[in-house]
Amino acid sequence: MTALTKTIMVDIDNTIADYTNGLRDYIRECGHGEDECPCPEPTAYDFTLTDGWPFSGDSKAFMWWHTRAVADGLYSREEPYAGAAEALNQLHDAGWNVIMATSRADDWRGESQRWLHRNGFQFDGYYNGDKTLLTPDVLIDDRPVTLEAMAAKGVTVLHPDHAYCTAAPGQMFHWRAAVPLILGGVR
């Protein structure tokens, strides 16, 4: 009897790719110094709710900065979190069906998939859109609303220990290499 393959869906920004530091670095390159704009770790998923960013309290200003950063290559320049590729590749090698997923509506140039390949991620599929329309066995994500919706559907959810998602349902992790240990690394 063959074991059924399980599917794990993995978000990109602030889950395996460091969007926060990428955006912070971009803001610095645009001339906003640390004294003027400390750009601290966000305390809410909505970055505008964290003081110290050039768009604090202003969603239109955030979209302006985000759009400008993406146009200047933010998605290609984000750094992967240490151990993320190795952890997911370990699960892939153990037989998990790995689907990389993002809600990046502005990735029309395909930067996300090129970034994944360039950084050594092995995956079986790629999805861009509303993740709650799918039902994988496991979801790894950082967006609290998505984690809540998927947990309500019975999906096993895991999330990083960012301040804005520590209260979200599911298993929290710090080191990406811990993910295979949490899941047992088996099908």
N, C-alpha and C. Protein backbone atom coordinates (compact mmCIF):
# COMPACT_ATOMS: atom_id res chain seq x y z
N MET A 1 0.84 -1.17 0.00
CA MET A 1 0.00 0.00 0.00
C MET A 1 0.89 1.24 0.00
N THR A 2 0.60 2.20 -0.87
CA THR A 2 1.38 3.43 -0.99
C THR A 2 0.78 4.52 -0.12
N ALA A 3 1.66 5.21 0.58
CA ALA A 3 1.19 6.34 1.41
C ALA A 3 0.74 7.48 0.50
N LEU A 4 -0.29 8.17 0.92
CA LEU A 4 -0.76 9.32 0.17
C LEU A 4 0.20 10.47 0.34
N THR A 5 0.46 11.17 -0.75
CA THR A 5 1.33 12.34 -0.68
C THR A 5 0.57 13.49 -0.04
N LYS A 6 1.22 14.14 0.88
CA LYS A 6 0.62 15.31 1.52
C LYS A 6 1.15 16.57 0.86
N THR A 7 0.33 17.61 0.89
CA THR A 7 0.68 18.88 0.26
C THR A 7 0.91 19.95 1.33
N ILE A 8 2.01 20.66 1.16
CA ILE A 8 2.32 21.79 2.03
C ILE A 8 2.38 23.03 1.14
N MET A 9 1.65 24.05 1.53
CA MET A 9 1.63 25.31 0.79
C MET A 9 2.41 26.33 1.61
N VAL A 10 3.34 27.02 0.96
CA VAL A 10 4.27 27.90 1.66
C VAL A 10 4.22 29.31 1.08
N ASP A 11 3.93 30.27 1.92
CA ASP A 11 3.94 31.68 1.56
C ASP A 11 5.38 32.14 1.35
N ILE A 12 5.56 33.25 0.66
CA ILE A 12 6.91 33.76 0.38
C ILE A 12 7.29 34.91 1.32
N ASP A 13 6.63 36.07 1.18
CA ASP A 13 7.06 37.27 1.92
C ASP A 13 6.90 37.12 3.43
N ASN A 14 7.98 37.37 4.13
CA ASN A 14 8.08 37.29 5.59
C ASN A 14 7.77 35.91 6.14
N THR A 15 7.83 34.91 5.26
CA THR A 15 7.73 33.52 5.69
C THR A 15 9.02 32.80 5.31
N ILE A 16 9.41 32.87 4.03
CA ILE A 16 10.71 32.33 3.62
C ILE A 16 11.63 33.43 3.09
N ALA A 17 11.05 34.58 2.70
CA ALA A 17 11.83 35.72 2.19
C ALA A 17 11.63 36.91 3.12
N ASP A 18 12.71 37.58 3.43
CA ASP A 18 12.67 38.67 4.40
C ASP A 18 12.22 39.99 3.74
N TYR A 19 10.92 40.13 3.61
CA TYR A 19 10.32 41.34 3.03
C TYR A 19 10.61 42.56 3.90
N THR A 20 10.50 42.41 5.21
CA THR A 20 10.68 43.55 6.11
C THR A 20 12.05 44.18 5.93
N ASN A 21 13.11 43.37 5.99
CA ASN A 21 14.45 43.93 5.83
C ASN A 21 14.67 44.44 4.41
N GLY A 22 14.07 43.78 3.42
CA GLY A 22 14.18 44.26 2.04
C GLY A 22 13.59 45.64 1.89
N LEU A 23 12.40 45.86 2.46
CA LEU A 23 11.76 47.17 2.39
C LEU A 23 12.54 48.20 3.21
N ARG A 24 13.01 47.79 4.38
CA ARG A 24 13.81 48.69 5.24
C ARG A 24 15.08 49.13 4.49
N ASP A 25 15.77 48.18 3.86
CA ASP A 25 16.98 48.52 3.10
C ASP A 25 16.66 49.48 1.95
N TYR A 26 15.54 49.25 1.30
CA TYR A 26 15.15 50.13 0.19
C TYR A 26 14.90 51.55 0.68
N ILE A 27 14.22 51.67 1.80
CA ILE A 27 13.94 52.99 2.38
C ILE A 27 15.25 53.69 2.73
N ARG A 28 16.21 52.94 3.27
CA ARG A 28 17.53 53.52 3.58
C ARG A 28 18.22 54.00 2.31
N GLU A 29 18.16 53.18 1.25
CA GLU A 29 18.79 53.55 -0.03
C GLU A 29 18.18 54.82 -0.61
N CYS A 30 16.93 55.08 -0.28
CA CYS A 30 16.24 56.27 -0.77
C CYS A 30 16.52 57.50 0.09
N GLY A 31 17.43 57.36 1.06
CA GLY A 31 17.87 58.51 1.83
C GLY A 31 17.22 58.73 3.18
N HIS A 32 16.40 57.80 3.63
CA HIS A 32 15.79 57.93 4.96
C HIS A 32 16.68 57.22 5.97
N GLY A 33 17.38 57.98 6.78
CA GLY A 33 18.30 57.42 7.75
C GLY A 33 17.58 56.79 8.94
N GLU A 34 18.34 56.02 9.70
CA GLU A 34 17.78 55.32 10.86
C GLU A 34 17.27 56.28 11.92
N ASP A 35 17.92 57.42 12.09
CA ASP A 35 17.46 58.40 13.08
C ASP A 35 16.09 58.96 12.68
N GLU A 36 15.94 59.26 11.41
CA GLU A 36 14.68 59.82 10.90
C GLU A 36 13.59 58.75 10.83
N CYS A 37 13.95 57.56 10.39
CA CYS A 37 13.00 56.46 10.16
C CYS A 37 13.62 55.16 10.66
N PRO A 38 13.42 54.79 11.91
CA PRO A 38 14.05 53.57 12.42
C PRO A 38 13.52 52.28 11.77
N CYS A 39 12.33 52.32 11.18
CA CYS A 39 11.74 51.16 10.51
C CYS A 39 11.83 49.90 11.39
N PRO A 40 11.21 49.93 12.57
CA PRO A 40 11.29 48.79 13.48
C PRO A 40 10.51 47.58 12.96
N GLU A 41 10.73 46.45 13.60
CA GLU A 41 9.96 45.26 13.24
C GLU A 41 8.48 45.59 13.42
N PRO A 42 7.66 45.24 12.44
CA PRO A 42 6.24 45.56 12.55
C PRO A 42 5.56 44.81 13.69
N THR A 43 4.67 45.50 14.38
CA THR A 43 3.91 44.89 15.47
C THR A 43 2.54 44.44 15.01
N ALA A 44 2.19 44.77 13.77
CA ALA A 44 0.93 44.36 13.16
C ALA A 44 1.23 43.96 11.72
N TYR A 45 0.42 43.06 11.18
CA TYR A 45 0.61 42.65 9.79
C TYR A 45 0.53 43.87 8.87
N ASP A 46 -0.34 44.80 9.19
CA ASP A 46 -0.46 46.06 8.47
C ASP A 46 0.67 46.97 8.96
N PHE A 47 1.71 47.10 8.16
CA PHE A 47 2.89 47.87 8.55
C PHE A 47 2.56 49.30 8.94
N THR A 48 1.47 49.86 8.42
CA THR A 48 1.16 51.26 8.72
C THR A 48 0.79 51.46 10.18
N LEU A 49 0.52 50.37 10.90
CA LEU A 49 0.17 50.47 12.31
C LEU A 49 1.39 50.49 13.23
N THR A 50 2.58 50.40 12.64
CA THR A 50 3.82 50.46 13.41
C THR A 50 4.49 51.80 13.16
N ASP A 51 4.68 52.58 14.21
CA ASP A 51 5.35 53.88 14.09
C ASP A 51 6.81 53.68 13.70
N GLY A 52 7.34 54.70 13.04
CA GLY A 52 8.76 54.69 12.71
C GLY A 52 9.07 54.34 11.26
N TRP A 53 8.05 54.12 10.45
CA TRP A 53 8.23 53.90 9.02
C TRP A 53 7.79 55.18 8.31
N PRO A 54 8.26 55.45 7.09
CA PRO A 54 7.87 56.70 6.43
C PRO A 54 6.40 56.73 6.02
N PHE A 55 5.71 55.64 6.21
CA PHE A 55 4.29 55.56 5.84
C PHE A 55 3.41 55.24 7.04
N SER A 56 3.92 55.36 8.26
CA SER A 56 3.15 55.03 9.47
C SER A 56 1.82 55.75 9.46
N GLY A 57 0.74 54.98 9.63
CA GLY A 57 -0.60 55.53 9.71
C GLY A 57 -1.22 55.90 8.38
N ASP A 58 -0.55 55.62 7.27
CA ASP A 58 -1.05 56.06 5.97
C ASP A 58 -0.95 54.93 4.94
N SER A 59 -2.06 54.26 4.67
CA SER A 59 -2.05 53.11 3.75
C SER A 59 -1.71 53.52 2.32
N LYS A 60 -2.09 54.72 1.90
CA LYS A 60 -1.73 55.18 0.55
C LYS A 60 -0.22 55.37 0.44
N ALA A 61 0.39 55.90 1.48
CA ALA A 61 1.84 56.08 1.48
C ALA A 61 2.54 54.73 1.48
N PHE A 62 2.02 53.76 2.24
CA PHE A 62 2.60 52.42 2.21
C PHE A 62 2.56 51.86 0.80
N MET A 63 1.41 51.95 0.13
CA MET A 63 1.29 51.41 -1.23
C MET A 63 2.25 52.13 -2.17
N TRP A 64 2.46 53.43 -1.98
CA TRP A 64 3.41 54.15 -2.80
C TRP A 64 4.82 53.58 -2.61
N TRP A 65 5.23 53.41 -1.35
CA TRP A 65 6.56 52.85 -1.07
C TRP A 65 6.68 51.42 -1.58
N HIS A 66 5.69 50.60 -1.31
CA HIS A 66 5.72 49.20 -1.75
C HIS A 66 5.82 49.12 -3.27
N THR A 67 4.96 49.84 -3.97
CA THR A 67 4.95 49.81 -5.44
C THR A 67 6.28 50.28 -6.01
N ARG A 68 6.81 51.34 -5.43
CA ARG A 68 8.10 51.87 -5.88
C ARG A 68 9.22 50.85 -5.64
N ALA A 69 9.23 50.23 -4.47
CA ALA A 69 10.26 49.23 -4.14
C ALA A 69 10.17 48.02 -5.06
N VAL A 70 8.94 47.54 -5.32
CA VAL A 70 8.76 46.39 -6.22
C VAL A 70 9.24 46.75 -7.62
N ALA A 71 8.90 47.93 -8.10
CA ALA A 71 9.33 48.37 -9.44
C ALA A 71 10.86 48.43 -9.53
N ASP A 72 11.52 48.71 -8.40
CA ASP A 72 12.98 48.78 -8.36
C ASP A 72 13.63 47.44 -7.99
N GLY A 73 12.84 46.35 -7.99
CA GLY A 73 13.41 45.01 -7.81
C GLY A 73 13.37 44.43 -6.40
N LEU A 74 12.48 44.92 -5.54
CA LEU A 74 12.42 44.42 -4.17
C LEU A 74 12.31 42.90 -4.11
N TYR A 75 11.41 42.32 -4.88
CA TYR A 75 11.19 40.87 -4.80
C TYR A 75 12.45 40.07 -5.15
N SER A 76 13.23 40.58 -6.07
CA SER A 76 14.46 39.89 -6.45
C SER A 76 15.56 40.05 -5.41
N ARG A 77 15.49 41.14 -4.64
CA ARG A 77 16.56 41.45 -3.68
C ARG A 77 16.31 40.92 -2.28
N GLU A 78 15.12 40.44 -1.99
CA GLU A 78 14.85 39.93 -0.64
C GLU A 78 15.79 38.76 -0.35
N GLU A 79 16.21 38.66 0.90
CA GLU A 79 17.07 37.56 1.32
C GLU A 79 16.21 36.43 1.87
N PRO A 80 16.57 35.19 1.56
CA PRO A 80 15.83 34.08 2.18
C PRO A 80 16.21 33.98 3.66
N TYR A 81 15.27 33.56 4.48
CA TYR A 81 15.59 33.32 5.88
C TYR A 81 16.53 32.13 5.98
N ALA A 82 17.46 32.20 6.92
CA ALA A 82 18.43 31.12 7.10
C ALA A 82 17.71 29.80 7.34
N GLY A 83 18.07 28.80 6.57
CA GLY A 83 17.53 27.46 6.75
C GLY A 83 16.21 27.20 6.05
N ALA A 84 15.60 28.21 5.45
CA ALA A 84 14.28 28.02 4.83
C ALA A 84 14.34 27.04 3.66
N ALA A 85 15.28 27.26 2.75
CA ALA A 85 15.38 26.38 1.57
C ALA A 85 15.71 24.95 2.01
N GLU A 86 16.64 24.82 2.92
CA GLU A 86 17.04 23.48 3.37
C GLU A 86 15.86 22.76 4.03
N ALA A 87 15.10 23.47 4.85
CA ALA A 87 13.96 22.85 5.53
C ALA A 87 12.91 22.38 4.53
N LEU A 88 12.56 23.25 3.59
CA LEU A 88 11.54 22.87 2.62
C LEU A 88 12.04 21.80 1.66
N ASN A 89 13.32 21.86 1.30
CA ASN A 89 13.88 20.83 0.42
C ASN A 89 13.91 19.48 1.12
N GLN A 90 14.13 19.49 2.43
CA GLN A 90 14.09 18.24 3.20
C GLN A 90 12.69 17.63 3.14
N LEU A 91 11.67 18.47 3.27
CA LEU A 91 10.29 17.97 3.18
C LEU A 91 9.99 17.48 1.76
N HIS A 92 10.44 18.23 0.76
CA HIS A 92 10.25 17.83 -0.63
C HIS A 92 10.89 16.47 -0.88
N ASP A 93 12.13 16.30 -0.40
CA ASP A 93 12.85 15.04 -0.58
C ASP A 93 12.19 13.88 0.17
N ALA A 94 11.46 14.22 1.25
CA ALA A 94 10.77 13.19 2.02
C ALA A 94 9.41 12.82 1.40
N GLY A 95 9.06 13.49 0.28
CA GLY A 95 7.85 13.13 -0.43
C GLY A 95 6.69 14.11 -0.34
N TRP A 96 6.89 15.21 0.37
CA TRP A 96 5.83 16.21 0.44
C TRP A 96 5.69 16.89 -0.92
N ASN A 97 4.48 17.21 -1.31
CA ASN A 97 4.18 18.01 -2.49
C ASN A 97 4.25 19.47 -2.03
N VAL A 98 5.28 20.20 -2.44
CA VAL A 98 5.52 21.56 -1.97
C VAL A 98 4.99 22.56 -3.00
N ILE A 99 4.03 23.36 -2.57
CA ILE A 99 3.45 24.40 -3.41
C ILE A 99 3.85 25.75 -2.83
N MET A 100 4.56 26.54 -3.60
CA MET A 100 4.92 27.88 -3.17
C MET A 100 3.74 28.77 -3.53
N ALA A 101 3.34 29.63 -2.59
CA ALA A 101 2.13 30.43 -2.80
C ALA A 101 2.36 31.87 -2.36
N THR A 102 1.78 32.78 -3.10
CA THR A 102 1.91 34.19 -2.78
C THR A 102 0.64 34.93 -3.19
N SER A 103 0.44 36.06 -2.58
CA SER A 103 -0.67 36.94 -2.95
C SER A 103 -0.14 38.17 -3.68
N ARG A 104 1.07 38.09 -4.17
CA ARG A 104 1.71 39.21 -4.86
C ARG A 104 0.97 39.51 -6.17
N ALA A 105 0.08 40.46 -6.13
CA ALA A 105 -0.67 40.84 -7.33
C ALA A 105 0.21 41.60 -8.33
N ASP A 106 1.35 42.09 -7.85
CA ASP A 106 2.20 42.92 -8.68
C ASP A 106 3.44 42.19 -9.20
N ASP A 107 3.39 40.85 -9.24
CA ASP A 107 4.53 40.08 -9.72
C ASP A 107 4.28 39.59 -11.14
N TRP A 108 3.96 40.48 -12.01
CA TRP A 108 3.66 40.12 -13.39
C TRP A 108 4.91 39.77 -14.19
N ARG A 109 6.10 40.09 -13.66
CA ARG A 109 7.35 39.76 -14.37
C ARG A 109 7.92 38.40 -13.97
N GLY A 110 7.26 37.70 -13.07
CA GLY A 110 7.73 36.37 -12.67
C GLY A 110 8.94 36.36 -11.76
N GLU A 111 9.18 37.46 -11.06
CA GLU A 111 10.34 37.54 -10.18
C GLU A 111 10.30 36.49 -9.07
N SER A 112 9.11 36.18 -8.58
CA SER A 112 8.99 35.24 -7.45
C SER A 112 9.55 33.87 -7.80
N GLN A 113 9.15 33.33 -8.93
CA GLN A 113 9.63 32.00 -9.31
C GLN A 113 11.13 32.01 -9.59
N ARG A 114 11.62 33.05 -10.23
CA ARG A 114 13.07 33.14 -10.46
C ARG A 114 13.82 33.22 -9.13
N TRP A 115 13.29 33.98 -8.18
CA TRP A 115 13.91 34.11 -6.87
C TRP A 115 13.95 32.74 -6.18
N LEU A 116 12.85 32.00 -6.24
CA LEU A 116 12.80 30.67 -5.62
C LEU A 116 13.86 29.75 -6.20
N HIS A 117 13.96 29.71 -7.52
CA HIS A 117 14.97 28.87 -8.17
C HIS A 117 16.39 29.33 -7.83
N ARG A 118 16.62 30.63 -7.90
CA ARG A 118 17.96 31.18 -7.63
C ARG A 118 18.42 30.88 -6.20
N ASN A 119 17.47 30.80 -5.27
CA ASN A 119 17.82 30.56 -3.87
C ASN A 119 17.71 29.10 -3.47
N GLY A 120 17.55 28.21 -4.45
CA GLY A 120 17.65 26.78 -4.20
C GLY A 120 16.42 26.09 -3.65
N PHE A 121 15.25 26.70 -3.77
CA PHE A 121 14.02 26.07 -3.28
C PHE A 121 13.53 25.04 -4.30
N GLN A 122 13.25 23.83 -3.83
CA GLN A 122 12.63 22.80 -4.67
C GLN A 122 11.13 22.84 -4.41
N PHE A 123 10.35 22.87 -5.46
CA PHE A 123 8.90 22.90 -5.28
C PHE A 123 8.21 22.24 -6.46
N ASP A 124 6.99 21.82 -6.22
CA ASP A 124 6.23 21.07 -7.23
C ASP A 124 5.20 21.93 -7.93
N GLY A 125 4.88 23.08 -7.37
CA GLY A 125 3.89 23.95 -7.98
C GLY A 125 4.01 25.35 -7.43
N TYR A 126 3.35 26.26 -8.11
CA TYR A 126 3.39 27.67 -7.75
C TYR A 126 1.98 28.21 -7.89
N TYR A 127 1.54 28.98 -6.89
CA TYR A 127 0.20 29.55 -6.90
C TYR A 127 0.28 31.02 -6.55
N ASN A 128 -0.41 31.85 -7.32
CA ASN A 128 -0.48 33.27 -7.03
C ASN A 128 -1.95 33.64 -6.94
N GLY A 129 -2.41 34.00 -5.75
CA GLY A 129 -3.80 34.37 -5.56
C GLY A 129 -4.25 34.19 -4.13
N ASP A 130 -5.54 34.07 -3.95
CA ASP A 130 -6.14 33.91 -2.62
C ASP A 130 -5.89 32.49 -2.12
N LYS A 131 -5.03 32.36 -1.15
CA LYS A 131 -4.66 31.04 -0.63
C LYS A 131 -5.81 30.31 0.03
N THR A 132 -6.78 31.06 0.54
CA THR A 132 -7.89 30.41 1.25
C THR A 132 -8.82 29.66 0.30
N LEU A 133 -8.62 29.80 -1.00
CA LEU A 133 -9.41 29.04 -1.97
C LEU A 133 -8.91 27.61 -2.11
N LEU A 134 -7.71 27.34 -1.60
CA LEU A 134 -7.11 26.01 -1.68
C LEU A 134 -7.19 25.34 -0.32
N THR A 135 -7.00 24.02 -0.31
CA THR A 135 -7.02 23.28 0.96
C THR A 135 -5.86 22.29 0.99
N PRO A 136 -4.66 22.78 1.29
CA PRO A 136 -3.52 21.88 1.44
C PRO A 136 -3.62 21.15 2.78
N ASP A 137 -2.74 20.20 3.00
CA ASP A 137 -2.69 19.55 4.31
C ASP A 137 -2.07 20.48 5.35
N VAL A 138 -1.07 21.26 4.90
CA VAL A 138 -0.33 22.17 5.79
C VAL A 138 -0.14 23.50 5.08
N LEU A 139 -0.26 24.58 5.83
CA LEU A 139 0.04 25.92 5.33
C LEU A 139 1.09 26.54 6.24
N ILE A 140 2.12 27.12 5.62
CA ILE A 140 3.10 27.92 6.35
C ILE A 140 2.94 29.34 5.83
N ASP A 141 2.56 30.27 6.70
CA ASP A 141 2.24 31.63 6.29
C ASP A 141 2.46 32.55 7.48
N ASP A 142 2.45 33.86 7.22
CA ASP A 142 2.62 34.83 8.31
C ASP A 142 1.41 35.75 8.47
N ARG A 143 0.45 35.67 7.57
CA ARG A 143 -0.70 36.58 7.64
C ARG A 143 -1.76 36.01 8.58
N PRO A 144 -2.01 36.67 9.70
CA PRO A 144 -2.95 36.14 10.69
C PRO A 144 -4.34 35.79 10.13
N VAL A 145 -4.89 36.62 9.28
CA VAL A 145 -6.22 36.35 8.73
C VAL A 145 -6.23 35.07 7.90
N THR A 146 -5.18 34.86 7.14
CA THR A 146 -5.07 33.64 6.33
C THR A 146 -4.89 32.42 7.23
N LEU A 147 -4.06 32.55 8.25
CA LEU A 147 -3.85 31.45 9.19
C LEU A 147 -5.16 31.06 9.89
N GLU A 148 -5.91 32.06 10.31
CA GLU A 148 -7.20 31.79 10.97
C GLU A 148 -8.18 31.11 10.04
N ALA A 149 -8.29 31.59 8.80
CA ALA A 149 -9.22 31.00 7.83
C ALA A 149 -8.85 29.56 7.50
N MET A 150 -7.56 29.31 7.35
CA MET A 150 -7.13 27.96 6.99
C MET A 150 -7.26 27.00 8.18
N ALA A 151 -6.95 27.47 9.37
CA ALA A 151 -7.14 26.62 10.56
C ALA A 151 -8.61 26.27 10.71
N ALA A 152 -9.50 27.21 10.43
CA ALA A 152 -10.94 26.95 10.52
C ALA A 152 -11.39 25.88 9.51
N LYS A 153 -10.65 25.75 8.40
CA LYS A 153 -10.95 24.73 7.40
C LYS A 153 -10.34 23.38 7.77
N GLY A 154 -9.61 23.32 8.87
CA GLY A 154 -8.99 22.07 9.29
C GLY A 154 -7.58 21.86 8.76
N VAL A 155 -7.00 22.89 8.15
CA VAL A 155 -5.64 22.81 7.64
C VAL A 155 -4.67 23.00 8.82
N THR A 156 -3.62 22.21 8.87
CA THR A 156 -2.57 22.40 9.86
C THR A 156 -1.80 23.65 9.47
N VAL A 157 -1.69 24.60 10.39
CA VAL A 157 -0.99 25.85 10.08
C VAL A 157 0.24 26.03 10.96
N LEU A 158 1.30 26.54 10.32
CA LEU A 158 2.53 26.88 11.00
C LEU A 158 2.85 28.32 10.63
N HIS A 159 3.48 29.04 11.54
CA HIS A 159 3.83 30.42 11.24
C HIS A 159 5.10 30.83 11.98
N PRO A 160 5.83 31.80 11.37
CA PRO A 160 7.03 32.31 12.04
C PRO A 160 6.65 33.10 13.28
N ASP A 161 7.63 33.39 14.09
CA ASP A 161 7.39 34.07 15.36
C ASP A 161 7.46 35.59 15.26
N HIS A 162 7.02 36.15 14.14
CA HIS A 162 6.94 37.61 14.03
C HIS A 162 5.95 38.12 15.08
N ALA A 163 6.20 39.29 15.61
CA ALA A 163 5.34 39.86 16.66
C ALA A 163 3.89 39.93 16.23
N TYR A 164 3.64 40.19 14.97
CA TYR A 164 2.26 40.36 14.50
C TYR A 164 1.50 39.04 14.29
N CYS A 165 2.17 37.91 14.39
CA CYS A 165 1.42 36.66 14.20
C CYS A 165 1.59 35.68 15.35
N THR A 166 2.17 36.09 16.45
CA THR A 166 2.36 35.16 17.56
C THR A 166 1.05 34.67 18.16
N ALA A 167 -0.02 35.46 18.06
CA ALA A 167 -1.31 35.05 18.61
C ALA A 167 -2.16 34.28 17.60
N ALA A 168 -1.65 34.10 16.40
CA ALA A 168 -2.39 33.37 15.37
C ALA A 168 -2.46 31.89 15.73
N PRO A 169 -3.47 31.19 15.20
CA PRO A 169 -3.55 29.75 15.48
C PRO A 169 -2.40 28.99 14.84
N GLY A 170 -2.15 27.81 15.34
CA GLY A 170 -1.14 26.94 14.75
C GLY A 170 0.16 26.92 15.53
N GLN A 171 1.10 26.19 14.97
CA GLN A 171 2.41 26.00 15.58
C GLN A 171 3.34 27.12 15.15
N MET A 172 3.97 27.79 16.11
CA MET A 172 4.90 28.85 15.82
C MET A 172 6.32 28.28 15.78
N PHE A 173 7.16 28.83 14.90
CA PHE A 173 8.55 28.38 14.82
C PHE A 173 9.46 29.59 14.70
N HIS A 174 10.70 29.40 15.08
CA HIS A 174 11.70 30.46 14.93
C HIS A 174 12.67 30.10 13.82
N TRP A 175 13.34 29.01 13.96
CA TRP A 175 14.30 28.58 12.94
C TRP A 175 13.57 27.79 11.89
N ARG A 176 13.77 28.17 10.63
CA ARG A 176 13.09 27.48 9.53
C ARG A 176 13.43 26.00 9.49
N ALA A 177 14.61 25.63 9.97
CA ALA A 177 15.00 24.22 10.00
C ALA A 177 14.13 23.42 10.97
N ALA A 178 13.40 24.10 11.85
CA ALA A 178 12.52 23.41 12.78
C ALA A 178 11.26 22.87 12.11
N VAL A 179 10.91 23.40 10.94
CA VAL A 179 9.66 23.00 10.28
C VAL A 179 9.62 21.49 10.00
N PRO A 180 10.68 20.90 9.41
CA PRO A 180 10.62 19.44 9.21
C PRO A 180 10.50 18.66 10.52
N LEU A 181 11.10 19.19 11.58
CA LEU A 181 10.98 18.52 12.86
C LEU A 181 9.55 18.59 13.39
N ILE A 182 8.91 19.73 13.20
CA ILE A 182 7.52 19.89 13.63
C ILE A 182 6.63 18.92 12.87
N LEU A 183 6.87 18.82 11.56
CA LEU A 183 6.02 17.97 10.72
C LEU A 183 6.50 16.52 10.68
N GLY A 184 7.62 16.24 11.29
CA GLY A 184 8.13 14.88 11.30
C GLY A 184 8.91 14.53 10.04
N GLY A 185 8.89 15.43 9.04
CA GLY A 185 9.66 15.20 7.83
C GLY A 185 9.20 14.01 7.02
N VAL A 186 8.05 13.47 7.34
CA VAL A 186 7.59 12.29 6.61
C VAL A 186 6.23 12.57 5.97
N ARG A 187 5.89 11.68 5.04
CA ARG A 187 4.60 11.81 4.36
C ARG A 187 3.49 11.31 5.23
